[in-house]
Amino acid sequence: MRVNDYSVYPAKAELGVAFAQACASIAEVARWVVAATDGIMRTGALIWNRLALRSRERAAISVLAGLESHTLKDIGIGRSEIRYLARETARRGAYDRSAARR
């Protein structure tokens, strides 16, 4: 007696359904990976921006603290204002980065 090929193997329709389910699972995992990667990238960018901001603040503090008291007085800055001014200037982006390289 000859065995029907389809009696031994699952129907092609069942294989198609299993394949579609596997593809849907893979797509779901891919969406999760993309979402996780996006979150990681945003967090990395936030950390990088904060580090850059802090670096600009430190550079401005260094430059202003290096000035003599009478020079600071001539430009209208007291020593007690240096940290505040450096922070606000760095946050506004008005600090000239080329001056920090000199």
N, C-alpha and C. Protein backbone atom coordinates (compact mmCIF):
# COMPACT_ATOMS: atom_id res chain seq x y z
N MET A 1 0.84 -1.16 0.00
CA MET A 1 0.00 0.00 0.00
C MET A 1 0.89 1.24 0.00
N ARG A 2 0.57 2.15 -0.86
CA ARG A 2 1.36 3.35 -1.00
C ARG A 2 0.90 4.41 0.00
N VAL A 3 1.90 5.05 0.67
CA VAL A 3 1.58 6.08 1.65
C VAL A 3 1.48 7.42 0.94
N ASN A 4 0.41 8.10 1.21
CA ASN A 4 0.21 9.42 0.64
C ASN A 4 1.24 10.37 1.24
N ASP A 5 1.91 11.12 0.42
CA ASP A 5 2.93 12.04 0.90
C ASP A 5 2.37 13.04 1.91
N TYR A 6 1.14 13.47 1.72
CA TYR A 6 0.55 14.48 2.60
C TYR A 6 0.08 13.92 3.93
N SER A 7 -0.04 12.60 4.03
CA SER A 7 -0.49 12.03 5.31
C SER A 7 0.66 12.00 6.32
N VAL A 8 1.89 12.01 5.85
CA VAL A 8 3.04 11.97 6.72
C VAL A 8 3.44 13.38 7.18
N TYR A 9 3.31 14.35 6.29
CA TYR A 9 3.71 15.72 6.56
C TYR A 9 2.49 16.60 6.85
N PRO A 10 2.66 17.65 7.65
CA PRO A 10 1.54 18.55 7.89
C PRO A 10 1.11 19.22 6.58
N ALA A 11 -0.08 19.63 6.54
CA ALA A 11 -0.62 20.27 5.34
C ALA A 11 0.15 21.56 5.07
N LYS A 12 0.22 21.90 3.80
CA LYS A 12 0.93 23.11 3.42
C LYS A 12 0.31 24.35 4.06
N ALA A 13 -0.98 24.35 4.24
CA ALA A 13 -1.65 25.48 4.87
C ALA A 13 -1.17 25.65 6.31
N GLU A 14 -1.00 24.56 7.02
CA GLU A 14 -0.51 24.62 8.40
C GLU A 14 0.92 25.16 8.45
N LEU A 15 1.73 24.75 7.49
CA LEU A 15 3.09 25.28 7.42
C LEU A 15 3.09 26.78 7.14
N GLY A 16 2.18 27.20 6.29
CA GLY A 16 2.06 28.61 5.97
C GLY A 16 1.67 29.43 7.19
N VAL A 17 0.74 28.88 7.98
CA VAL A 17 0.31 29.57 9.19
C VAL A 17 1.46 29.65 10.19
N ALA A 18 2.19 28.55 10.36
CA ALA A 18 3.32 28.53 11.29
C ALA A 18 4.39 29.52 10.84
N PHE A 19 4.64 29.57 9.54
CA PHE A 19 5.62 30.50 9.01
C PHE A 19 5.18 31.95 9.25
N ALA A 20 3.91 32.23 9.02
CA ALA A 20 3.39 33.59 9.23
C ALA A 20 3.49 33.98 10.70
N GLN A 21 3.21 33.05 11.61
CA GLN A 21 3.33 33.33 13.03
C GLN A 21 4.79 33.60 13.42
N ALA A 22 5.69 32.82 12.86
CA ALA A 22 7.12 33.02 13.14
C ALA A 22 7.57 34.38 12.63
N CYS A 23 7.12 34.76 11.45
CA CYS A 23 7.48 36.07 10.89
C CYS A 23 6.91 37.19 11.74
N ALA A 24 5.69 37.03 12.24
CA ALA A 24 5.08 38.05 13.09
C ALA A 24 5.87 38.18 14.39
N SER A 25 6.32 37.06 14.94
CA SER A 25 7.12 37.10 16.17
C SER A 25 8.45 37.80 15.92
N ILE A 26 9.07 37.50 14.80
CA ILE A 26 10.34 38.14 14.45
C ILE A 26 10.14 39.64 14.26
N ALA A 27 9.04 40.03 13.62
CA ALA A 27 8.75 41.45 13.41
C ALA A 27 8.52 42.15 14.75
N GLU A 28 7.85 41.47 15.68
CA GLU A 28 7.62 42.06 17.00
C GLU A 28 8.93 42.26 17.74
N VAL A 29 9.80 41.28 17.68
CA VAL A 29 11.12 41.40 18.31
C VAL A 29 11.91 42.53 17.67
N ALA A 30 11.84 42.64 16.35
CA ALA A 30 12.55 43.71 15.64
C ALA A 30 12.03 45.08 16.07
N ARG A 31 10.70 45.22 16.22
CA ARG A 31 10.15 46.49 16.68
C ARG A 31 10.64 46.82 18.09
N TRP A 32 10.71 45.81 18.95
CA TRP A 32 11.20 46.01 20.31
C TRP A 32 12.66 46.45 20.29
N VAL A 33 13.47 45.81 19.46
CA VAL A 33 14.89 46.15 19.37
C VAL A 33 15.05 47.59 18.86
N VAL A 34 14.27 47.97 17.88
CA VAL A 34 14.35 49.34 17.35
C VAL A 34 13.95 50.34 18.43
N ALA A 35 12.89 50.04 19.18
CA ALA A 35 12.45 50.94 20.24
C ALA A 35 13.52 51.04 21.33
N ALA A 36 14.11 49.92 21.69
CA ALA A 36 15.15 49.93 22.73
C ALA A 36 16.38 50.71 22.25
N THR A 37 16.75 50.50 21.01
CA THR A 37 17.90 51.20 20.45
C THR A 37 17.64 52.70 20.40
N ASP A 38 16.43 53.08 20.04
CA ASP A 38 16.08 54.50 20.00
C ASP A 38 16.20 55.11 21.39
N GLY A 39 15.72 54.40 22.39
CA GLY A 39 15.84 54.89 23.76
C GLY A 39 17.27 55.03 24.21
N ILE A 40 18.09 54.06 23.85
CA ILE A 40 19.51 54.10 24.21
C ILE A 40 20.20 55.27 23.51
N MET A 41 19.88 55.49 22.26
CA MET A 41 20.49 56.58 21.51
C MET A 41 20.08 57.94 22.10
N ARG A 42 18.82 58.08 22.47
CA ARG A 42 18.37 59.34 23.07
C ARG A 42 19.05 59.59 24.41
N THR A 43 19.18 58.53 25.20
CA THR A 43 19.85 58.66 26.49
C THR A 43 21.32 59.03 26.29
N GLY A 44 21.96 58.39 25.32
CA GLY A 44 23.36 58.70 25.02
C GLY A 44 23.53 60.14 24.57
N ALA A 45 22.62 60.62 23.75
CA ALA A 45 22.69 62.00 23.27
C ALA A 45 22.48 62.98 24.43
N LEU A 46 21.56 62.64 25.33
CA LEU A 46 21.32 63.50 26.48
C LEU A 46 22.56 63.58 27.37
N ILE A 47 23.16 62.43 27.63
CA ILE A 47 24.38 62.40 28.46
C ILE A 47 25.50 63.19 27.78
N TRP A 48 25.67 62.98 26.48
CA TRP A 48 26.71 63.69 25.73
C TRP A 48 26.50 65.20 25.79
N ASN A 49 25.27 65.64 25.61
CA ASN A 49 24.98 67.08 25.64
C ASN A 49 25.24 67.67 27.02
N ARG A 50 24.90 66.93 28.06
CA ARG A 50 25.16 67.43 29.41
C ARG A 50 26.65 67.48 29.71
N LEU A 51 27.39 66.50 29.23
CA LEU A 51 28.85 66.54 29.41
C LEU A 51 29.46 67.71 28.67
N ALA A 52 28.98 67.98 27.47
CA ALA A 52 29.48 69.11 26.69
C ALA A 52 29.14 70.43 27.38
N LEU A 53 27.94 70.52 27.93
CA LEU A 53 27.54 71.72 28.65
C LEU A 53 28.45 71.94 29.86
N ARG A 54 28.68 70.88 30.60
CA ARG A 54 29.55 70.98 31.79
C ARG A 54 30.97 71.37 31.40
N SER A 55 31.44 70.86 30.29
CA SER A 55 32.78 71.20 29.81
C SER A 55 32.87 72.68 29.46
N ARG A 56 31.83 73.20 28.81
CA ARG A 56 31.81 74.63 28.49
C ARG A 56 31.76 75.47 29.76
N GLU A 57 31.00 75.03 30.75
CA GLU A 57 30.95 75.75 32.02
C GLU A 57 32.32 75.81 32.67
N ARG A 58 32.99 74.66 32.73
CA ARG A 58 34.32 74.62 33.37
C ARG A 58 35.31 75.49 32.63
N ALA A 59 35.25 75.50 31.30
CA ALA A 59 36.16 76.34 30.52
C ALA A 59 35.91 77.82 30.80
N ALA A 60 34.65 78.20 30.86
CA ALA A 60 34.32 79.60 31.14
C ALA A 60 34.77 79.99 32.55
N ILE A 61 34.55 79.11 33.51
CA ILE A 61 34.99 79.38 34.89
C ILE A 61 36.50 79.54 34.93
N SER A 62 37.20 78.67 34.22
CA SER A 62 38.65 78.73 34.21
C SER A 62 39.16 80.06 33.63
N VAL A 63 38.55 80.47 32.54
CA VAL A 63 38.98 81.72 31.90
C VAL A 63 38.69 82.92 32.81
N LEU A 64 37.46 82.98 33.34
CA LEU A 64 37.09 84.12 34.17
C LEU A 64 37.86 84.13 35.50
N ALA A 65 38.08 82.97 36.08
CA ALA A 65 38.81 82.91 37.35
C ALA A 65 40.27 83.31 37.16
N GLY A 66 40.78 83.16 35.96
CA GLY A 66 42.17 83.53 35.68
C GLY A 66 42.39 85.01 35.51
N LEU A 67 41.32 85.77 35.38
CA LEU A 67 41.45 87.22 35.22
C LEU A 67 41.73 87.89 36.56
N GLU A 68 42.39 89.00 36.49
CA GLU A 68 42.67 89.77 37.71
C GLU A 68 41.39 90.45 38.17
N SER A 69 41.34 90.76 39.45
CA SER A 69 40.14 91.36 40.05
C SER A 69 39.77 92.69 39.39
N HIS A 70 40.78 93.53 39.09
CA HIS A 70 40.45 94.82 38.48
C HIS A 70 39.94 94.64 37.06
N THR A 71 40.39 93.61 36.36
CA THR A 71 39.87 93.34 35.00
C THR A 71 38.42 92.91 35.08
N LEU A 72 38.12 92.03 36.04
CA LEU A 72 36.73 91.61 36.24
C LEU A 72 35.85 92.81 36.60
N LYS A 73 36.37 93.69 37.43
CA LYS A 73 35.62 94.87 37.82
C LYS A 73 35.37 95.78 36.61
N ASP A 74 36.37 95.88 35.72
CA ASP A 74 36.21 96.70 34.52
C ASP A 74 35.08 96.19 33.62
N ILE A 75 34.90 94.89 33.57
CA ILE A 75 33.84 94.35 32.71
C ILE A 75 32.54 94.12 33.48
N GLY A 76 32.53 94.49 34.76
CA GLY A 76 31.30 94.46 35.53
C GLY A 76 30.96 93.12 36.15
N ILE A 77 31.97 92.33 36.45
CA ILE A 77 31.74 91.01 37.03
C ILE A 77 32.48 90.93 38.37
N GLY A 78 31.77 90.45 39.38
CA GLY A 78 32.41 90.19 40.66
C GLY A 78 32.84 88.72 40.72
N ARG A 79 33.82 88.41 41.53
CA ARG A 79 34.30 87.01 41.64
C ARG A 79 33.18 86.06 42.06
N SER A 80 32.27 86.56 42.87
CA SER A 80 31.18 85.70 43.34
C SER A 80 30.19 85.36 42.23
N GLU A 81 30.23 86.08 41.12
CA GLU A 81 29.30 85.86 40.01
C GLU A 81 29.85 84.93 38.93
N ILE A 82 31.10 84.53 39.04
CA ILE A 82 31.76 83.78 37.97
C ILE A 82 31.02 82.48 37.66
N ARG A 83 30.73 81.68 38.68
CA ARG A 83 30.06 80.39 38.43
C ARG A 83 28.68 80.59 37.80
N TYR A 84 27.92 81.53 38.32
CA TYR A 84 26.59 81.79 37.78
C TYR A 84 26.66 82.21 36.31
N LEU A 85 27.53 83.17 36.02
CA LEU A 85 27.65 83.67 34.65
C LEU A 85 28.14 82.59 33.69
N ALA A 86 29.08 81.77 34.15
CA ALA A 86 29.59 80.69 33.31
C ALA A 86 28.49 79.69 33.00
N ARG A 87 27.70 79.34 34.01
CA ARG A 87 26.62 78.38 33.82
C ARG A 87 25.57 78.93 32.86
N GLU A 88 25.14 80.15 33.09
CA GLU A 88 24.11 80.74 32.23
C GLU A 88 24.60 80.96 30.80
N THR A 89 25.83 81.38 30.66
CA THR A 89 26.39 81.59 29.32
C THR A 89 26.51 80.28 28.56
N ALA A 90 26.96 79.23 29.24
CA ALA A 90 27.10 77.92 28.59
C ALA A 90 25.74 77.37 28.20
N ARG A 91 24.74 77.56 29.04
CA ARG A 91 23.40 77.06 28.73
C ARG A 91 22.76 77.78 27.56
N ARG A 92 23.06 79.04 27.44
CA ARG A 92 22.49 79.80 26.32
C ARG A 92 23.27 79.58 25.03
N GLY A 93 24.44 78.99 25.13
CA GLY A 93 25.22 78.71 23.94
C GLY A 93 25.98 79.92 23.42
N ALA A 94 26.06 80.97 24.22
CA ALA A 94 26.72 82.20 23.77
C ALA A 94 28.22 82.15 24.01
N TYR A 95 28.69 81.13 24.64
CA TYR A 95 30.12 81.03 24.94
C TYR A 95 30.90 80.69 23.68
N ASP A 96 31.93 81.45 23.40
CA ASP A 96 32.75 81.23 22.21
C ASP A 96 33.74 80.11 22.51
N ARG A 97 33.56 78.96 21.89
CA ARG A 97 34.41 77.80 22.17
C ARG A 97 35.85 78.00 21.73
N SER A 98 36.06 78.87 20.77
CA SER A 98 37.43 79.07 20.30
C SER A 98 38.28 79.74 21.39
N ALA A 99 37.67 80.53 22.26
CA ALA A 99 38.42 81.18 23.32
C ALA A 99 38.93 80.16 24.35
N ALA A 100 38.21 79.07 24.52
CA ALA A 100 38.62 78.05 25.50
C ALA A 100 39.84 77.27 25.00
N ARG A 101 40.08 77.29 23.70
CA ARG A 101 41.20 76.52 23.13
C ARG A 101 42.51 77.27 23.25
N ARG A 102 42.47 78.54 23.48
CA ARG A 102 43.69 79.36 23.52
C ARG A 102 44.50 79.09 24.74
